[in-house]
Amino acid sequence: MHQEINRPQVLAEVTAAFYRYETALVSNDIAVLDALFWHDPRTVRLGAGENLYGIEEIRAFRAARPAAGLARTLRNTVITTFGDDYAVCSTEFTREGSERTGRQQQSWVRFPDGWRIVAAQVSLME
């Protein structure tokens, strides 16, 4: 079976969804962040200091998170799509005022209502 990688239209859609997520993240737009995650108990977000299983835990984390100090610079961002319905987005980031490098990886799936994150992992380098 041939798997088409980075079909231009699909890559453009996922790239737009990824940067919509990034804009919402740094502006703490909780409604958009919530909309971009799959609303399911099987959704996973593993962070630098938390392990969240299910959309309800992710929502609670977002609601309790401070809104300040979220600005960051991305680098080495790689977005790869597989067929029409699956993508992986990976990036490194540095938060404003810090020299520590973070890493973020997200698995995205196309649902009838659009692209959604089904799994995300964030880590900080020592």
PDB file of N, CA and C in Angstrom:
ATOM      1  N   MET A   1       0.842  -1.188   0.000  1.00  0.00           N
ATOM      2  CA  MET A   1       0.000   0.000   0.000  1.00  0.00           C
ATOM      3  C   MET A   1       0.879   1.240   0.000  1.00  0.00           C
ATOM      4  N   HIS A   2       0.565   2.186  -0.834  1.00  0.00           N
ATOM      5  CA  HIS A   2       1.318   3.435  -0.932  1.00  0.00           C
ATOM      6  C   HIS A   2       0.709   4.479  -0.002  1.00  0.00           C
ATOM      7  N   GLN A   3       1.516   5.059   0.841  1.00  0.00           N
ATOM      8  CA  GLN A   3       1.074   6.115   1.770  1.00  0.00           C
ATOM      9  C   GLN A   3       1.569   7.450   1.234  1.00  0.00           C
ATOM     10  N   GLU A   4       0.660   8.334   0.908  1.00  0.00           N
ATOM     11  CA  GLU A   4       1.064   9.634   0.381  1.00  0.00           C
ATOM     12  C   GLU A   4       1.461  10.552   1.536  1.00  0.00           C
ATOM     13  N   ILE A   5       2.668  11.071   1.474  1.00  0.00           N
ATOM     14  CA  ILE A   5       3.212  11.926   2.542  1.00  0.00           C
ATOM     15  C   ILE A   5       3.255  13.369   2.054  1.00  0.00           C
ATOM     16  N   ASN A   6       2.753  14.258   2.910  1.00  0.00           N
ATOM     17  CA  ASN A   6       2.773  15.705   2.659  1.00  0.00           C
ATOM     18  C   ASN A   6       2.100  16.113   1.347  1.00  0.00           C
ATOM     19  N   ARG A   7       0.923  15.551   1.119  1.00  0.00           N
ATOM     20  CA  ARG A   7       0.112  16.040  -0.001  1.00  0.00           C
ATOM     21  C   ARG A   7      -0.135  17.516   0.257  1.00  0.00           C
ATOM     22  N   PRO A   8       0.136  18.409  -0.689  1.00  0.00           N
ATOM     23  CA  PRO A   8       0.122  19.855  -0.428  1.00  0.00           C
ATOM     24  C   PRO A   8      -1.133  20.382   0.264  1.00  0.00           C
ATOM     25  N   GLN A   9      -2.321  19.971  -0.159  1.00  0.00           N
ATOM     26  CA  GLN A   9      -3.547  20.478   0.453  1.00  0.00           C
ATOM     27  C   GLN A   9      -3.668  20.042   1.912  1.00  0.00           C
ATOM     28  N   VAL A  10      -3.330  18.798   2.197  1.00  0.00           N
ATOM     29  CA  VAL A  10      -3.427  18.278   3.564  1.00  0.00           C
ATOM     30  C   VAL A  10      -2.366  18.951   4.440  1.00  0.00           C
ATOM     31  N   LEU A  11      -1.167  19.090   3.920  1.00  0.00           N
ATOM     32  CA  LEU A  11      -0.104  19.763   4.666  1.00  0.00           C
ATOM     33  C   LEU A  11      -0.497  21.201   5.000  1.00  0.00           C
ATOM     34  N   ALA A  12      -1.111  21.895   4.059  1.00  0.00           N
ATOM     35  CA  ALA A  12      -1.555  23.276   4.312  1.00  0.00           C
ATOM     36  C   ALA A  12      -2.618  23.317   5.409  1.00  0.00           C
ATOM     37  N   GLU A  13      -3.545  22.372   5.398  1.00  0.00           N
ATOM     38  CA  GLU A  13      -4.589  22.328   6.424  1.00  0.00           C
ATOM     39  C   GLU A  13      -3.999  22.103   7.815  1.00  0.00           C
ATOM     40  N   VAL A  14      -3.105  21.134   7.926  1.00  0.00           N
ATOM     41  CA  VAL A  14      -2.507  20.818   9.231  1.00  0.00           C
ATOM     42  C   VAL A  14      -1.609  21.955   9.693  1.00  0.00           C
ATOM     43  N   THR A  15      -0.866  22.545   8.782  1.00  0.00           N
ATOM     44  CA  THR A  15      -0.011  23.678   9.145  1.00  0.00           C
ATOM     45  C   THR A  15      -0.858  24.814   9.700  1.00  0.00           C
ATOM     46  N   ALA A  16      -1.975  25.104   9.067  1.00  0.00           N
ATOM     47  CA  ALA A  16      -2.877  26.150   9.572  1.00  0.00           C
ATOM     48  C   ALA A  16      -3.419  25.789  10.948  1.00  0.00           C
ATOM     49  N   ALA A  17      -3.809  24.532  11.152  1.00  0.00           N
ATOM     50  CA  ALA A  17      -4.313  24.099  12.464  1.00  0.00           C
ATOM     51  C   ALA A  17      -3.227  24.207  13.528  1.00  0.00           C
ATOM     52  N   PHE A  18      -1.998  23.806  13.191  1.00  0.00           N
ATOM     53  CA  PHE A  18      -0.890  23.878  14.140  1.00  0.00           C
ATOM     54  C   PHE A  18      -0.633  25.328  14.568  1.00  0.00           C
ATOM     55  N   TYR A  19      -0.584  26.247  13.616  1.00  0.00           N
ATOM     56  CA  TYR A  19      -0.309  27.645  13.978  1.00  0.00           C
ATOM     57  C   TYR A  19      -1.512  28.309  14.648  1.00  0.00           C
ATOM     58  N   ARG A  20      -2.705  27.823  14.366  1.00  0.00           N
ATOM     59  CA  ARG A  20      -3.874  28.290  15.122  1.00  0.00           C
ATOM     60  C   ARG A  20      -3.733  27.866  16.587  1.00  0.00           C
ATOM     61  N   TYR A  21      -3.282  26.639  16.800  1.00  0.00           N
ATOM     62  CA  TYR A  21      -3.030  26.146  18.161  1.00  0.00           C
ATOM     63  C   TYR A  21      -1.948  27.001  18.829  1.00  0.00           C
ATOM     64  N   GLU A  22      -0.865  27.255  18.132  1.00  0.00           N
ATOM     65  CA  GLU A  22       0.253  28.022  18.704  1.00  0.00           C
ATOM     66  C   GLU A  22      -0.204  29.428  19.089  1.00  0.00           C
ATOM     67  N   THR A  23      -0.963  30.081  18.232  1.00  0.00           N
ATOM     68  CA  THR A  23      -1.482  31.415  18.541  1.00  0.00           C
ATOM     69  C   THR A  23      -2.376  31.374  19.778  1.00  0.00           C
ATOM     70  N   ALA A  24      -3.237  30.379  19.855  1.00  0.00           N
ATOM     71  CA  ALA A  24      -4.123  30.229  21.023  1.00  0.00           C
ATOM     72  C   ALA A  24      -3.322  29.937  22.282  1.00  0.00           C
ATOM     73  N   LEU A  25      -2.252  29.158  22.152  1.00  0.00           N
ATOM     74  CA  LEU A  25      -1.433  28.813  23.317  1.00  0.00           C
ATOM     75  C   LEU A  25      -0.789  30.052  23.929  1.00  0.00           C
ATOM     76  N   VAL A  26      -0.141  30.866  23.111  1.00  0.00           N
ATOM     77  CA  VAL A  26       0.581  32.023  23.658  1.00  0.00           C
ATOM     78  C   VAL A  26      -0.360  33.137  24.095  1.00  0.00           C
ATOM     79  N   SER A  27      -1.591  33.139  23.586  1.00  0.00           N
ATOM     80  CA  SER A  27      -2.567  34.146  24.022  1.00  0.00           C
ATOM     81  C   SER A  27      -3.525  33.591  25.075  1.00  0.00           C
ATOM     82  N   ASN A  28      -3.318  32.343  25.462  1.00  0.00           N
ATOM     83  CA  ASN A  28      -4.137  31.646  26.460  1.00  0.00           C
ATOM     84  C   ASN A  28      -5.620  31.653  26.079  1.00  0.00           C
ATOM     85  N   ASP A  29      -5.895  31.415  24.808  1.00  0.00           N
ATOM     86  CA  ASP A  29      -7.264  31.317  24.310  1.00  0.00           C
ATOM     87  C   ASP A  29      -7.768  29.895  24.570  1.00  0.00           C
ATOM     88  N   ILE A  30      -8.304  29.692  25.749  1.00  0.00           N
ATOM     89  CA  ILE A  30      -8.699  28.360  26.202  1.00  0.00           C
ATOM     90  C   ILE A  30      -9.773  27.750  25.311  1.00  0.00           C
ATOM     91  N   ALA A  31     -10.686  28.556  24.811  1.00  0.00           N
ATOM     92  CA  ALA A  31     -11.757  28.028  23.956  1.00  0.00           C
ATOM     93  C   ALA A  31     -11.185  27.403  22.687  1.00  0.00           C
ATOM     94  N   VAL A  32     -10.223  28.066  22.068  1.00  0.00           N
ATOM     95  CA  VAL A  32      -9.616  27.515  20.845  1.00  0.00           C
ATOM     96  C   VAL A  32      -8.777  26.296  21.183  1.00  0.00           C
ATOM     97  N   LEU A  33      -8.003  26.352  22.262  1.00  0.00           N
ATOM     98  CA  LEU A  33      -7.208  25.191  22.658  1.00  0.00           C
ATOM     99  C   LEU A  33      -8.108  23.980  22.880  1.00  0.00           C
ATOM    100  N   ASP A  34      -9.221  24.192  23.568  1.00  0.00           N
ATOM    101  CA  ASP A  34     -10.159  23.109  23.811  1.00  0.00           C
ATOM    102  C   ASP A  34     -10.735  22.581  22.496  1.00  0.00           C
ATOM    103  N   ALA A  35     -11.076  23.471  21.597  1.00  0.00           N
ATOM    104  CA  ALA A  35     -11.660  23.060  20.324  1.00  0.00           C
ATOM    105  C   ALA A  35     -10.693  22.225  19.491  1.00  0.00           C
ATOM    106  N   LEU A  36      -9.398  22.448  19.647  1.00  0.00           N
ATOM    107  CA  LEU A  36      -8.409  21.752  18.828  1.00  0.00           C
ATOM    108  C   LEU A  36      -7.991  20.393  19.387  1.00  0.00           C
ATOM    109  N   PHE A  37      -8.436  20.066  20.598  1.00  0.00           N
ATOM    110  CA  PHE A  37      -8.176  18.732  21.142  1.00  0.00           C
ATOM    111  C   PHE A  37      -9.398  17.846  20.904  1.00  0.00           C
ATOM    112  N   TRP A  38      -9.147  16.566  20.681  1.00  0.00           N
ATOM    113  CA  TRP A  38     -10.213  15.593  20.541  1.00  0.00           C
ATOM    114  C   TRP A  38     -10.960  15.498  21.860  1.00  0.00           C
ATOM    115  N   HIS A  39     -12.244  15.631  21.846  1.00  0.00           N
ATOM    116  CA  HIS A  39     -13.070  15.600  23.048  1.00  0.00           C
ATOM    117  C   HIS A  39     -13.409  14.157  23.396  1.00  0.00           C
ATOM    118  N   ASP A  40     -12.421  13.489  24.001  1.00  0.00           N
ATOM    119  CA  ASP A  40     -12.557  12.060  24.265  1.00  0.00           C
ATOM    120  C   ASP A  40     -11.701  11.674  25.477  1.00  0.00           C
ATOM    121  N   PRO A  41     -12.125  10.685  26.244  1.00  0.00           N
ATOM    122  CA  PRO A  41     -11.313  10.247  27.387  1.00  0.00           C
ATOM    123  C   PRO A  41      -9.992   9.605  26.980  1.00  0.00           C
ATOM    124  N   ARG A  42      -9.832   9.257  25.703  1.00  0.00           N
ATOM    125  CA  ARG A  42      -8.575   8.651  25.240  1.00  0.00           C
ATOM    126  C   ARG A  42      -7.545   9.673  24.787  1.00  0.00           C
ATOM    127  N   THR A  43      -7.882  10.949  24.808  1.00  0.00           N
ATOM    128  CA  THR A  43      -6.929  11.997  24.453  1.00  0.00           C
ATOM    129  C   THR A  43      -5.877  12.087  25.555  1.00  0.00           C
ATOM    130  N   VAL A  44      -4.613  12.250  25.158  1.00  0.00           N
ATOM    131  CA  VAL A  44      -3.511  12.270  26.121  1.00  0.00           C
ATOM    132  C   VAL A  44      -2.666  13.515  25.904  1.00  0.00           C
ATOM    133  N   ARG A  45      -2.274  14.158  27.025  1.00  0.00           N
ATOM    134  CA  ARG A  45      -1.308  15.261  26.977  1.00  0.00           C
ATOM    135  C   ARG A  45      -0.300  15.018  28.082  1.00  0.00           C
ATOM    136  N   LEU A  46       0.926  14.706  27.704  1.00  0.00           N
ATOM    137  CA  LEU A  46       2.005  14.478  28.659  1.00  0.00           C
ATOM    138  C   LEU A  46       2.885  15.713  28.650  1.00  0.00           C
ATOM    139  N   GLY A  47       2.968  16.387  29.785  1.00  0.00           N
ATOM    140  CA  GLY A  47       3.699  17.636  29.855  1.00  0.00           C
ATOM    141  C   GLY A  47       4.981  17.511  30.653  1.00  0.00           C
ATOM    142  N   ALA A  48       5.647  18.657  30.814  1.00  0.00           N
ATOM    143  CA  ALA A  48       6.903  18.689  31.557  1.00  0.00           C
ATOM    144  C   ALA A  48       6.689  18.338  33.030  1.00  0.00           C
ATOM    145  N   GLY A  49       5.509  18.627  33.563  1.00  0.00           N
ATOM    146  CA  GLY A  49       5.247  18.336  34.963  1.00  0.00           C
ATOM    147  C   GLY A  49       3.901  17.701  35.222  1.00  0.00           C
ATOM    148  N   GLU A  50       3.233  17.232  34.165  1.00  0.00           N
ATOM    149  CA  GLU A  50       1.908  16.660  34.350  1.00  0.00           C
ATOM    150  C   GLU A  50       1.647  15.580  33.311  1.00  0.00           C
ATOM    151  N   ASN A  51       0.817  14.623  33.682  1.00  0.00           N
ATOM    152  CA  ASN A  51       0.357  13.573  32.784  1.00  0.00           C
ATOM    153  C   ASN A  51      -1.161  13.631  32.791  1.00  0.00           C
ATOM    154  N   LEU A  52      -1.740  14.022  31.658  1.00  0.00           N
ATOM    155  CA  LEU A  52      -3.174  14.253  31.591  1.00  0.00           C
ATOM    156  C   LEU A  52      -3.810  13.225  30.664  1.00  0.00           C
ATOM    157  N   TYR A  53      -4.804  12.522  31.179  1.00  0.00           N
ATOM    158  CA  TYR A  53      -5.487  11.483  30.424  1.00  0.00           C
ATOM    159  C   TYR A  53      -6.951  11.857  30.295  1.00  0.00           C
ATOM    160  N   GLY A  54      -7.369  12.133  29.088  1.00  0.00           N
ATOM    161  CA  GLY A  54      -8.751  12.489  28.814  1.00  0.00           C
ATOM    162  C   GLY A  54      -8.947  13.979  28.722  1.00  0.00           C
ATOM    163  N   ILE A  55      -9.931  14.366  27.936  1.00  0.00           N
ATOM    164  CA  ILE A  55     -10.188  15.783  27.683  1.00  0.00           C
ATOM    165  C   ILE A  55     -10.529  16.531  28.967  1.00  0.00           C
ATOM    166  N   GLU A  56     -11.189  15.895  29.926  1.00  0.00           N
ATOM    167  CA  GLU A  56     -11.558  16.599  31.160  1.00  0.00           C
ATOM    168  C   GLU A  56     -10.327  17.003  31.959  1.00  0.00           C
ATOM    169  N   GLU A  57      -9.319  16.134  32.066  1.00  0.00           N
ATOM    170  CA  GLU A  57      -8.080  16.495  32.760  1.00  0.00           C
ATOM    171  C   GLU A  57      -7.335  17.599  32.008  1.00  0.00           C
ATOM    172  N   ILE A  58      -7.341  17.541  30.694  1.00  0.00           N
ATOM    173  CA  ILE A  58      -6.686  18.579  29.892  1.00  0.00           C
ATOM    174  C   ILE A  58      -7.383  19.915  30.108  1.00  0.00           C
ATOM    175  N   ARG A  59      -8.707  19.911  30.105  1.00  0.00           N
ATOM    176  CA  ARG A  59      -9.464  21.142  30.352  1.00  0.00           C
ATOM    177  C   ARG A  59      -9.160  21.716  31.736  1.00  0.00           C
ATOM    178  N   ALA A  60      -9.114  20.875  32.743  1.00  0.00           N
ATOM    179  CA  ALA A  60      -8.836  21.345  34.108  1.00  0.00           C
ATOM    180  C   ALA A  60      -7.436  21.951  34.188  1.00  0.00           C
ATOM    181  N   PHE A  61      -6.481  21.341  33.528  1.00  0.00           N
ATOM    182  CA  PHE A  61      -5.111  21.875  33.497  1.00  0.00           C
ATOM    183  C   PHE A  61      -5.089  23.254  32.843  1.00  0.00           C
ATOM    184  N   ARG A  62      -5.751  23.395  31.710  1.00  0.00           N
ATOM    185  CA  ARG A  62      -5.778  24.679  31.005  1.00  0.00           C
ATOM    186  C   ARG A  62      -6.439  25.756  31.860  1.00  0.00           C
ATOM    187  N   ALA A  63      -7.522  25.412  32.526  1.00  0.00           N
ATOM    188  CA  ALA A  63      -8.247  26.393  33.350  1.00  0.00           C
ATOM    189  C   ALA A  63      -7.410  26.881  34.525  1.00  0.00           C
ATOM    190  N   ALA A  64      -6.529  26.033  35.050  1.00  0.00           N
ATOM    191  CA  ALA A  64      -5.721  26.385  36.221  1.00  0.00           C
ATOM    192  C   ALA A  64      -4.366  26.988  35.854  1.00  0.00           C
ATOM    193  N   ARG A  65      -4.007  26.958  34.599  1.00  0.00           N
ATOM    194  CA  ARG A  65      -2.689  27.421  34.157  1.00  0.00           C
ATOM    195  C   ARG A  65      -2.615  28.943  34.158  1.00  0.00           C
ATOM    196  N   PRO A  66      -1.517  29.511  34.682  1.00  0.00           N
ATOM    197  CA  PRO A  66      -1.363  30.968  34.631  1.00  0.00           C
ATOM    198  C   PRO A  66      -1.357  31.472  33.187  1.00  0.00           C
ATOM    199  N   ALA A  67      -1.926  32.649  32.981  1.00  0.00           N
ATOM    200  CA  ALA A  67      -2.025  33.213  31.639  1.00  0.00           C
ATOM    201  C   ALA A  67      -0.791  34.026  31.248  1.00  0.00           C
ATOM    202  N   ALA A  68       0.111  34.278  32.172  1.00  0.00           N
ATOM    203  CA  ALA A  68       1.294  35.112  31.898  1.00  0.00           C
ATOM    204  C   ALA A  68       2.494  34.237  31.537  1.00  0.00           C
ATOM    205  N   GLY A  69       3.425  34.813  30.799  1.00  0.00           N
ATOM    206  CA  GLY A  69       4.689  34.139  30.488  1.00  0.00           C
ATOM    207  C   GLY A  69       4.572  33.021  29.473  1.00  0.00           C
ATOM    208  N   LEU A  70       3.621  33.097  28.579  1.00  0.00           N
ATOM    209  CA  LEU A  70       3.410  32.021  27.611  1.00  0.00           C
ATOM    210  C   LEU A  70       4.082  32.264  26.265  1.00  0.00           C
ATOM    211  N   ALA A  71       4.586  33.480  26.040  1.00  0.00           N
ATOM    212  CA  ALA A  71       5.231  33.791  24.756  1.00  0.00           C
ATOM    213  C   ALA A  71       6.441  32.895  24.552  1.00  0.00           C
ATOM    214  N   ARG A  72       6.642  32.475  23.311  1.00  0.00           N
ATOM    215  CA  ARG A  72       7.776  31.589  23.022  1.00  0.00           C
ATOM    216  C   ARG A  72       8.160  31.707  21.565  1.00  0.00           C
ATOM    217  N   THR A  73       9.365  31.261  21.275  1.00  0.00           N
ATOM    218  CA  THR A  73       9.893  31.241  19.924  1.00  0.00           C
ATOM    219  C   THR A  73      10.041  29.793  19.496  1.00  0.00           C
ATOM    220  N   LEU A  74       9.508  29.468  18.322  1.00  0.00           N
ATOM    221  CA  LEU A  74       9.608  28.113  17.787  1.00  0.00           C
ATOM    222  C   LEU A  74      10.810  27.993  16.867  1.00  0.00           C
ATOM    223  N   ARG A  75      11.348  26.787  16.797  1.00  0.00           N
ATOM    224  CA  ARG A  75      12.402  26.497  15.813  1.00  0.00           C
ATOM    225  C   ARG A  75      12.375  24.997  15.505  1.00  0.00           C
ATOM    226  N   ASN A  76      12.937  24.658  14.391  1.00  0.00           N
ATOM    227  CA  ASN A  76      12.988  23.261  13.938  1.00  0.00           C
ATOM    228  C   ASN A  76      11.605  22.619  13.895  1.00  0.00           C
ATOM    229  N   THR A  77      10.619  23.362  13.447  1.00  0.00           N
ATOM    230  CA  THR A  77       9.266  22.829  13.341  1.00  0.00           C
ATOM    231  C   THR A  77       9.167  21.933  12.104  1.00  0.00           C
ATOM    232  N   VAL A  78       8.658  20.721  12.312  1.00  0.00           N
ATOM    233  CA  VAL A  78       8.472  19.764  11.225  1.00  0.00           C
ATOM    234  C   VAL A  78       7.029  19.265  11.298  1.00  0.00           C
ATOM    235  N   ILE A  79       6.309  19.438  10.211  1.00  0.00           N
ATOM    236  CA  ILE A  79       4.932  18.963  10.116  1.00  0.00           C
ATOM    237  C   ILE A  79       4.890  17.946   8.981  1.00  0.00           C
ATOM    238  N   THR A  80       4.442  16.733   9.299  1.00  0.00           N
ATOM    239  CA  THR A  80       4.394  15.667   8.310  1.00  0.00           C
ATOM    240  C   THR A  80       3.000  15.065   8.307  1.00  0.00           C
ATOM    241  N   THR A  81       2.408  14.988   7.123  1.00  0.00           N
ATOM    242  CA  THR A  81       1.090  14.369   7.001  1.00  0.00           C
ATOM    243  C   THR A  81       1.243  13.003   6.336  1.00  0.00           C
ATOM    244  N   PHE A  82       0.351  12.097   6.712  1.00  0.00           N
ATOM    245  CA  PHE A  82       0.346  10.737   6.184  1.00  0.00           C
ATOM    246  C   PHE A  82      -1.058  10.468   5.658  1.00  0.00           C
ATOM    247  N   GLY A  83      -1.185  10.407   4.342  1.00  0.00           N
ATOM    248  CA  GLY A  83      -2.508  10.264   3.760  1.00  0.00           C
ATOM    249  C   GLY A  83      -3.315  11.530   3.986  1.00  0.00           C
ATOM    250  N   ASP A  84      -4.626  11.365   4.080  1.00  0.00           N
ATOM    251  CA  ASP A  84      -5.518  12.514   4.224  1.00  0.00           C
ATOM    252  C   ASP A  84      -5.933  12.787   5.660  1.00  0.00           C
ATOM    253  N   ASP A  85      -5.630  11.877   6.597  1.00  0.00           N
ATOM    254  CA  ASP A  85      -6.272  11.957   7.905  1.00  0.00           C
ATOM    255  C   ASP A  85      -5.357  11.900   9.123  1.00  0.00           C
ATOM    256  N   TYR A  86      -4.042  11.874   8.946  1.00  0.00           N
ATOM    257  CA  TYR A  86      -3.134  11.759  10.096  1.00  0.00           C
ATOM    258  C   TYR A  86      -1.908  12.643   9.882  1.00  0.00           C
ATOM    259  N   ALA A  87      -1.452  13.266  10.971  1.00  0.00           N
ATOM    260  CA  ALA A  87      -0.257  14.119  10.883  1.00  0.00           C
ATOM    261  C   ALA A  87       0.476  14.132  12.212  1.00  0.00           C
ATOM    262  N   VAL A  88       1.754  14.430  12.137  1.00  0.00           N
ATOM    263  CA  VAL A  88       2.591  14.613  13.317  1.00  0.00           C
ATOM    264  C   VAL A  88       3.267  15.972  13.203  1.00  0.00           C
ATOM    265  N   CYS A  89       3.170  16.763  14.285  1.00  0.00           N
ATOM    266  CA  CYS A  89       3.808  18.076  14.338  1.00  0.00           C
ATOM    267  C   CYS A  89       4.824  18.060  15.469  1.00  0.00           C
ATOM    268  N   SER A  90       6.065  18.398  15.151  1.00  0.00           N
ATOM    269  CA  SER A  90       7.134  18.431  16.143  1.00  0.00           C
ATOM    270  C   SER A  90       7.821  19.777  16.076  1.00  0.00           C
ATOM    271  N   THR A  91       8.174  20.318  17.240  1.00  0.00           N
ATOM    272  CA  THR A  91       8.873  21.598  17.264  1.00  0.00           C
ATOM    273  C   THR A  91       9.700  21.711  18.536  1.00  0.00           C
ATOM    274  N   GLU A  92      10.670  22.573  18.485  1.00  0.00           N
ATOM    275  CA  GLU A  92      11.394  22.996  19.682  1.00  0.00           C
ATOM    276  C   GLU A  92      10.963  24.421  19.973  1.00  0.00           C
ATOM    277  N   PHE A  93      11.060  24.826  21.240  1.00  0.00           N
ATOM    278  CA  PHE A  93      10.674  26.185  21.598  1.00  0.00           C
ATOM    279  C   PHE A  93      11.527  26.692  22.745  1.00  0.00           C
ATOM    280  N   THR A  94      11.610  28.011  22.826  1.00  0.00           N
ATOM    281  CA  THR A  94      12.238  28.693  23.954  1.00  0.00           C
ATOM    282  C   THR A  94      11.243  29.722  24.452  1.00  0.00           C
ATOM    283  N   ARG A  95      10.935  29.663  25.729  1.00  0.00           N
ATOM    284  CA  ARG A  95      10.006  30.640  26.312  1.00  0.00           C
ATOM    285  C   ARG A  95      10.708  31.975  26.491  1.00  0.00           C
ATOM    286  N   GLU A  96       9.943  33.038  26.351  1.00  0.00           N
ATOM    287  CA  GLU A  96      10.468  34.378  26.538  1.00  0.00           C
ATOM    288  C   GLU A  96      11.082  34.491  27.940  1.00  0.00           C
ATOM    289  N   GLY A  97      12.330  34.985  28.007  1.00  0.00           N
ATOM    290  CA  GLY A  97      13.005  35.153  29.287  1.00  0.00           C
ATOM    291  C   GLY A  97      13.721  33.916  29.788  1.00  0.00           C
ATOM    292  N   SER A  98      13.759  32.847  28.993  1.00  0.00           N
ATOM    293  CA  SER A  98      14.422  31.612  29.399  1.00  0.00           C
ATOM    294  C   SER A  98      15.325  31.134  28.271  1.00  0.00           C
ATOM    295  N   GLU A  99      16.383  30.456  28.633  1.00  0.00           N
ATOM    296  CA  GLU A  99      17.254  29.866  27.625  1.00  0.00           C
ATOM    297  C   GLU A  99      17.033  28.365  27.501  1.00  0.00           C
ATOM    298  N   ARG A 100      16.156  27.811  28.333  1.00  0.00           N
ATOM    299  CA  ARG A 100      15.861  26.376  28.281  1.00  0.00           C
ATOM    300  C   ARG A 100      15.092  26.036  27.014  1.00  0.00           C
ATOM    301  N   THR A 101      15.464  24.949  26.395  1.00  0.00           N
ATOM    302  CA  THR A 101      14.781  24.478  25.204  1.00  0.00           C
ATOM    303  C   THR A 101      13.709  23.477  25.586  1.00  0.00           C
ATOM    304  N   GLY A 102      12.537  23.653  25.000  1.00  0.00           N
ATOM    305  CA  GLY A 102      11.459  22.690  25.166  1.00  0.00           C
ATOM    306  C   GLY A 102      11.201  21.985  23.855  1.00  0.00           C
ATOM    307  N   ARG A 103      10.550  20.856  23.969  1.00  0.00           N
ATOM    308  CA  ARG A 103      10.156  20.099  22.783  1.00  0.00           C
ATOM    309  C   ARG A 103       8.668  19.794  22.877  1.00  0.00           C
ATOM    310  N   GLN A 104       8.035  19.805  21.742  1.00  0.00           N
ATOM    311  CA  GLN A 104       6.601  19.532  21.691  1.00  0.00           C
ATOM    312  C   GLN A 104       6.324  18.642  20.493  1.00  0.00           C
ATOM    313  N   GLN A 105       5.517  17.622  20.701  1.00  0.00           N
ATOM    314  CA  GLN A 105       5.103  16.773  19.591  1.00  0.00           C
ATOM    315  C   GLN A 105       3.614  16.495  19.730  1.00  0.00           C
ATOM    316  N   GLN A 106       2.913  16.588  18.623  1.00  0.00           N
ATOM    317  CA  GLN A 106       1.469  16.373  18.614  1.00  0.00           C
ATOM    318  C   GLN A 106       1.101  15.413  17.487  1.00  0.00           C
ATOM    319  N   SER A 107       0.159  14.543  17.780  1.00  0.00           N
ATOM    320  CA  SER A 107      -0.452  13.689  16.761  1.00  0.00           C
ATOM    321  C   SER A 107      -1.823  14.276  16.455  1.00  0.00           C
ATOM    322  N   TRP A 108      -2.089  14.546  15.194  1.00  0.00           N
ATOM    323  CA  TRP A 108      -3.341  15.147  14.735  1.00  0.00           C
ATOM    324  C   TRP A 108      -4.085  14.148  13.857  1.00  0.00           C
ATOM    325  N   VAL A 109      -5.412  14.128  14.007  1.00  0.00           N
ATOM    326  CA  VAL A 109      -6.267  13.272  13.191  1.00  0.00           C
ATOM    327  C   VAL A 109      -7.396  14.129  12.627  1.00  0.00           C
ATOM    328  N   ARG A 110      -7.759  13.874  11.359  1.00  0.00           N
ATOM    329  CA  ARG A 110      -8.881  14.580  10.762  1.00  0.00           C
ATOM    330  C   ARG A 110     -10.177  13.876  11.186  1.00  0.00           C
ATOM    331  N   PHE A 111     -11.072  14.651  11.783  1.00  0.00           N
ATOM    332  CA  PHE A 111     -12.405  14.192  12.143  1.00  0.00           C
ATOM    333  C   PHE A 111     -13.402  14.913  11.242  1.00  0.00           C
ATOM    334  N   PRO A 112     -14.666  14.502  11.251  1.00  0.00           N
ATOM    335  CA  PRO A 112     -15.650  15.190  10.407  1.00  0.00           C
ATOM    336  C   PRO A 112     -15.719  16.698  10.661  1.00  0.00           C
ATOM    337  N   ASP A 113     -15.422  17.131  11.898  1.00  0.00           N
ATOM    338  CA  ASP A 113     -15.482  18.566  12.222  1.00  0.00           C
ATOM    339  C   ASP A 113     -14.119  19.249  12.153  1.00  0.00           C
ATOM    340  N   GLY A 114     -13.099  18.572  11.631  1.00  0.00           N
ATOM    341  CA  GLY A 114     -11.796  19.206  11.439  1.00  0.00           C
ATOM    342  C   GLY A 114     -10.649  18.457  12.097  1.00  0.00           C
ATOM    343  N   TRP A 115      -9.466  19.041  12.016  1.00  0.00           N
ATOM    344  CA  TRP A 115      -8.251  18.454  12.579  1.00  0.00           C
ATOM    345  C   TRP A 115      -8.244  18.621  14.090  1.00  0.00           C
ATOM    346  N   ARG A 116      -7.903  17.539  14.822  1.00  0.00           N
ATOM    347  CA  ARG A 116      -7.868  17.563  16.278  1.00  0.00           C
ATOM    348  C   ARG A 116      -6.610  16.859  16.775  1.00  0.00           C
ATOM    349  N   ILE A 117      -6.066  17.374  17.877  1.00  0.00           N
ATOM    350  CA  ILE A 117      -4.926  16.727  18.547  1.00  0.00           C
ATOM    351  C   ILE A 117      -5.463  15.552  19.349  1.00  0.00           C
ATOM    352  N   VAL A 118      -4.902  14.375  19.129  1.00  0.00           N
ATOM    353  CA  VAL A 118      -5.314  13.185  19.876  1.00  0.00           C
ATOM    354  C   VAL A 118      -4.272  12.805  20.929  1.00  0.00           C
ATOM    355  N   ALA A 119      -3.044  13.281  20.746  1.00  0.00           N
ATOM    356  CA  ALA A 119      -1.982  13.034  21.711  1.00  0.00           C
ATOM    357  C   ALA A 119      -0.943  14.132  21.586  1.00  0.00           C
ATOM    358  N   ALA A 120      -0.458  14.596  22.740  1.00  0.00           N
ATOM    359  CA  ALA A 120       0.552  15.655  22.749  1.00  0.00           C
ATOM    360  C   ALA A 120       1.553  15.376  23.856  1.00  0.00           C
ATOM    361  N   GLN A 121       2.793  15.716  23.590  1.00  0.00           N
ATOM    362  CA  GLN A 121       3.832  15.565  24.603  1.00  0.00           C
ATOM    363  C   GLN A 121       4.705  16.823  24.585  1.00  0.00           C
ATOM    364  N   VAL A 122       4.967  17.346  25.771  1.00  0.00           N
ATOM    365  CA  VAL A 122       5.840  18.511  25.941  1.00  0.00           C
ATOM    366  C   VAL A 122       6.910  18.151  26.949  1.00  0.00           C
ATOM    367  N   SER A 123       8.147  18.490  26.634  1.00  0.00           N
ATOM    368  CA  SER A 123       9.242  18.213  27.566  1.00  0.00           C
ATOM    369  C   SER A 123      10.215  19.383  27.551  1.00  0.00           C
ATOM    370  N   LEU A 124      10.977  19.496  28.609  1.00  0.00           N
ATOM    371  CA  LEU A 124      12.013  20.518  28.712  1.00  0.00           C
ATOM    372  C   LEU A 124      13.371  19.844  28.795  1.00  0.00           C
ATOM    373  N   MET A 125      14.335  20.410  28.085  1.00  0.00           N
ATOM    374  CA  MET A 125      15.705  19.886  28.112  1.00  0.00           C
ATOM    375  C   MET A 125      16.382  20.411  29.378  1.00  0.00           C
ATOM    376  N   GLU A 126      17.259  19.634  29.907  1.00  0.00           N
ATOM    377  CA  GLU A 126      18.003  20.062  31.108  1.00  0.00           C
ATOM    378  C   GLU A 126      19.042  21.077  30.764  1.00  0.00           C
TER     379      GLU A 126
END
